[in-house]
C-alpha atoms as a PDB file:
ATOM      1  CA  MET A   1     -43.379 101.700 141.931  1.00  0.00           C
ATOM      2  CA  THR A   2     -45.069  98.744 143.552  1.00  0.00           C
ATOM      3  CA  PRO A   3     -48.756  99.028 144.498  1.00  0.00           C
ATOM      4  CA  LYS A   4     -47.848  98.939 148.191  1.00  0.00           C
ATOM      5  CA  ARG A   5     -45.502 101.907 147.793  1.00  0.00           C
ATOM      6  CA  GLU A   6     -48.073 103.865 145.799  1.00  0.00           C
ATOM      7  CA  ARG A   7     -50.312 103.969 148.865  1.00  0.00           C
ATOM      8  CA  TYR A   8     -47.716 105.971 150.766  1.00  0.00           C
ATOM      9  CA  HIS A   9     -46.591 108.200 147.920  1.00  0.00           C
ATOM     10  CA  ALA A  10     -47.745 111.807 148.304  1.00  0.00           C
ATOM     11  CA  THR A  11     -49.361 113.172 145.161  1.00  0.00           C
ATOM     12  CA  SER A  12     -47.713 116.587 145.478  1.00  0.00           C
ATOM     13  CA  ALA A  13     -44.996 118.295 147.469  1.00  0.00           C
ATOM     14  CA  THR A  14     -47.563 119.880 149.787  1.00  0.00           C
ATOM     15  CA  GLU A  15     -49.938 116.930 150.106  1.00  0.00           C
ATOM     16  CA  SER A  16     -49.167 114.171 152.544  1.00  0.00           C
ATOM     17  CA  CYS A  17     -50.622 110.719 153.076  1.00  0.00           C
ATOM     18  CA  CYS A  18     -51.179 111.531 156.737  1.00  0.00           C
ATOM     19  CA  SER A  19     -51.248 114.502 159.032  1.00  0.00           C
ATOM     20  CA  THR A  20     -47.920 114.831 160.820  1.00  0.00           C
ATOM     21  CA  GLY A  21     -48.603 118.016 162.746  1.00  0.00           C
ATOM     22  CA  HIS A  22     -45.976 120.737 162.987  1.00  0.00           C
ATOM     23  CA  ARG A  23     -43.251 120.577 160.349  1.00  0.00           C
ATOM     24  CA  LEU A  24     -39.878 121.877 161.458  1.00  0.00           C
ATOM     25  CA  SER A  25     -38.327 124.733 159.550  1.00  0.00           C
ATOM     26  CA  ASP A  26     -35.000 124.075 157.846  1.00  0.00           C
ATOM     27  CA  ALA A  27     -33.253 126.073 160.591  1.00  0.00           C
ATOM     28  CA  GLU A  28     -34.982 124.111 163.387  1.00  0.00           C
ATOM     29  CA  LEU A  29     -34.153 120.818 161.714  1.00  0.00           C
ATOM     30  CA  ALA A  30     -30.497 121.797 161.247  1.00  0.00           C
ATOM     31  CA  ALA A  31     -30.220 122.942 164.874  1.00  0.00           C
ATOM     32  CA  ASP A  32     -31.737 119.701 166.177  1.00  0.00           C
ATOM     33  CA  VAL A  33     -29.463 117.556 164.011  1.00  0.00           C
ATOM     34  CA  ARG A  34     -26.388 119.574 165.093  1.00  0.00           C
ATOM     35  CA  LEU A  35     -27.331 119.165 168.769  1.00  0.00           C
ATOM     36  CA  LEU A  36     -28.037 115.427 168.500  1.00  0.00           C
ATOM     37  CA  ALA A  37     -24.906 114.796 166.429  1.00  0.00           C
ATOM     38  CA  ALA A  38     -22.786 116.625 169.007  1.00  0.00           C
ATOM     39  CA  ALA A  39     -24.070 114.360 171.768  1.00  0.00           C
ATOM     40  CA  GLY A  40     -23.978 111.332 169.475  1.00  0.00           C
ATOM     41  CA  SER A  41     -20.698 109.719 170.469  1.00  0.00           C
ATOM     42  CA  GLU A  42     -19.977 107.867 173.690  1.00  0.00           C
ATOM     43  CA  THR A  43     -17.089 110.181 174.587  1.00  0.00           C
ATOM     44  CA  ARG A  44     -19.031 113.383 173.982  1.00  0.00           C
ATOM     45  CA  TYR A  45     -22.166 112.104 175.718  1.00  0.00           C
ATOM     46  CA  GLU A  46     -20.236 110.845 178.728  1.00  0.00           C
ATOM     47  CA  ALA A  47     -18.328 114.153 178.938  1.00  0.00           C
ATOM     48  CA  LEU A  48     -21.633 116.023 178.840  1.00  0.00           C
ATOM     49  CA  ARG A  49     -23.053 113.826 181.609  1.00  0.00           C
ATOM     50  CA  LEU A  50     -19.943 114.270 183.767  1.00  0.00           C
ATOM     51  CA  ILE A  51     -20.107 118.036 183.393  1.00  0.00           C
ATOM     52  CA  ALA A  52     -23.847 118.075 184.101  1.00  0.00           C
ATOM     53  CA  ASP A  53     -23.453 115.880 187.186  1.00  0.00           C
ATOM     54  CA  ALA A  54     -20.672 118.040 188.639  1.00  0.00           C
ATOM     55  CA  ASP A  55     -21.358 120.675 191.217  1.00  0.00           C
ATOM     56  CA  GLY A  56     -20.648 123.697 189.026  1.00  0.00           C
ATOM     57  CA  GLU A  57     -17.928 123.758 186.405  1.00  0.00           C
ATOM     58  CA  VAL A  58     -15.454 121.026 185.524  1.00  0.00           C
ATOM     59  CA  CYS A  59     -11.860 121.591 184.524  1.00  0.00           C
ATOM     60  CA  ALA A  60     -10.982 119.929 181.229  1.00  0.00           C
ATOM     61  CA  CYS A  61      -8.030 118.273 182.986  1.00  0.00           C
ATOM     62  CA  GLU A  62     -10.468 116.321 185.184  1.00  0.00           C
ATOM     63  CA  LEU A  63     -12.241 114.779 182.205  1.00  0.00           C
ATOM     64  CA  GLU A  64      -9.295 112.963 180.640  1.00  0.00           C
ATOM     65  CA  PRO A  65      -8.859 110.380 183.430  1.00  0.00           C
ATOM     66  CA  ALA A  66     -12.616 110.091 183.979  1.00  0.00           C
ATOM     67  CA  LEU A  67     -13.249 109.353 180.294  1.00  0.00           C
ATOM     68  CA  ALA A  68     -10.129 107.200 179.823  1.00  0.00           C
ATOM     69  CA  VAL A  69      -9.327 108.865 176.501  1.00  0.00           C
ATOM     70  CA  SER A  70      -6.485 111.093 175.341  1.00  0.00           C
ATOM     71  CA  GLN A  71      -6.295 114.807 176.022  1.00  0.00           C
ATOM     72  CA  GLY A  72      -6.807 115.394 172.305  1.00  0.00           C
ATOM     73  CA  ALA A  73     -10.013 113.356 172.301  1.00  0.00           C
ATOM     74  CA  VAL A  74     -11.308 115.297 175.305  1.00  0.00           C
ATOM     75  CA  SER A  75     -10.442 118.585 173.606  1.00  0.00           C
ATOM     76  CA  GLN A  76     -12.236 117.586 170.400  1.00  0.00           C
ATOM     77  CA  ALA A  77     -15.287 116.374 172.324  1.00  0.00           C
ATOM     78  CA  LEU A  78     -15.520 119.602 174.302  1.00  0.00           C
ATOM     79  CA  SER A  79     -15.078 121.711 171.174  1.00  0.00           C
ATOM     80  CA  ARG A  80     -17.908 119.898 169.440  1.00  0.00           C
ATOM     81  CA  LEU A  81     -20.200 120.163 172.491  1.00  0.00           C
ATOM     82  CA  ARG A  82     -19.404 123.862 172.770  1.00  0.00           C
ATOM     83  CA  ALA A  83     -20.042 124.496 169.065  1.00  0.00           C
ATOM     84  CA  ALA A  84     -23.456 122.838 169.436  1.00  0.00           C
ATOM     85  CA  GLY A  85     -24.308 125.080 172.386  1.00  0.00           C
ATOM     86  CA  LEU A  86     -24.370 122.272 174.950  1.00  0.00           C
ATOM     87  CA  VAL A  87     -21.493 123.461 177.129  1.00  0.00           C
ATOM     88  CA  THR A  88     -20.011 126.783 178.161  1.00  0.00           C
ATOM     89  CA  ARG A  89     -16.291 127.448 178.521  1.00  0.00           C
ATOM     90  CA  ARG A  90     -14.519 129.789 180.880  1.00  0.00           C
ATOM     91  CA  LYS A  91     -10.790 130.422 180.650  1.00  0.00           C
ATOM     92  CA  ASP A  92      -8.741 131.043 183.769  1.00  0.00           C
ATOM     93  CA  GLY A  93      -5.085 131.357 182.834  1.00  0.00           C
ATOM     94  CA  ARG A  94      -4.125 128.132 181.122  1.00  0.00           C
ATOM     95  CA  TRP A  95      -7.098 126.227 182.562  1.00  0.00           C
ATOM     96  CA  ARG A  96     -10.465 125.755 180.852  1.00  0.00           C
ATOM     97  CA  TYR A  97     -13.635 125.192 182.857  1.00  0.00           C
ATOM     98  CA  TYR A  98     -16.809 123.790 181.343  1.00  0.00           C
ATOM     99  CA  GLY A  99     -20.427 123.953 182.428  1.00  0.00           C
ATOM    100  CA  VAL A 100     -23.690 122.847 180.846  1.00  0.00           C
ATOM    101  CA  THR A 101     -26.106 125.181 179.106  1.00  0.00           C
ATOM    102  CA  PRO A 102     -29.855 125.267 179.728  1.00  0.00           C
ATOM    103  CA  GLU A 103     -30.293 123.455 176.385  1.00  0.00           C
ATOM    104  CA  ALA A 104     -28.078 120.610 177.597  1.00  0.00           C
ATOM    105  CA  GLU A 105     -29.981 120.423 180.874  1.00  0.00           C
ATOM    106  CA  ARG A 106     -33.279 120.133 178.984  1.00  0.00           C
ATOM    107  CA  LEU A 107     -31.869 117.496 176.622  1.00  0.00           C
ATOM    108  CA  LEU A 108     -30.472 115.383 179.461  1.00  0.00           C
ATOM    109  CA  SER A 109     -33.689 115.764 181.442  1.00  0.00           C
ATOM    110  CA  ALA A 110     -35.730 114.578 178.443  1.00  0.00           C
ATOM    111  CA  LEU A 111     -33.421 111.582 178.000  1.00  0.00           C
ATOM    112  CA  ASP A 112     -33.769 110.745 181.696  1.00  0.00           C
ATOM    113  CA  GLU A 113     -37.560 110.861 181.394  1.00  0.00           C
ATOM    114  CA  ILE A 114     -37.503 108.604 178.347  1.00  0.00           C
ATOM    115  CA  ARG A 115     -35.219 106.119 180.099  1.00  0.00           C
ATOM    116  CA  GLU A 116     -37.434 106.092 183.196  1.00  0.00           C
ATOM    117  CA  SER A 117     -40.626 105.615 181.174  1.00  0.00           C
ATOM    118  CA  THR A 118     -39.169 102.656 179.271  1.00  0.00           C
ATOM    119  CA  HIS A 119     -38.131 100.919 182.502  1.00  0.00           C
ATOM    120  CA  GLU A 120     -41.569 101.065 184.164  1.00  0.00           C
END
């Protein structure tokens, strides 16, 4: 180990070189990573934004032309967003309608705030 690296090396598993505040539990960390990974592709993020910006629910059939991707890609994106708890799904016959969850609303709101603060 180089001398520079030794400065930052913690001497034990519980001792840290600096105070980082609250440490996430393994469950919290896994949930955050799952949520961010679900929103982490352009197709999934754009689908989430389209659903959030709609007045109420959006039919899956409306997303395919808006996203300019295949029906299969839309289906996979929606499945991943739903598994992460970012969208809800309601079935009505052969149609599927999607809405955003409160978690998705908070995530998108936080991203909007970050974007606005970086453009000031």
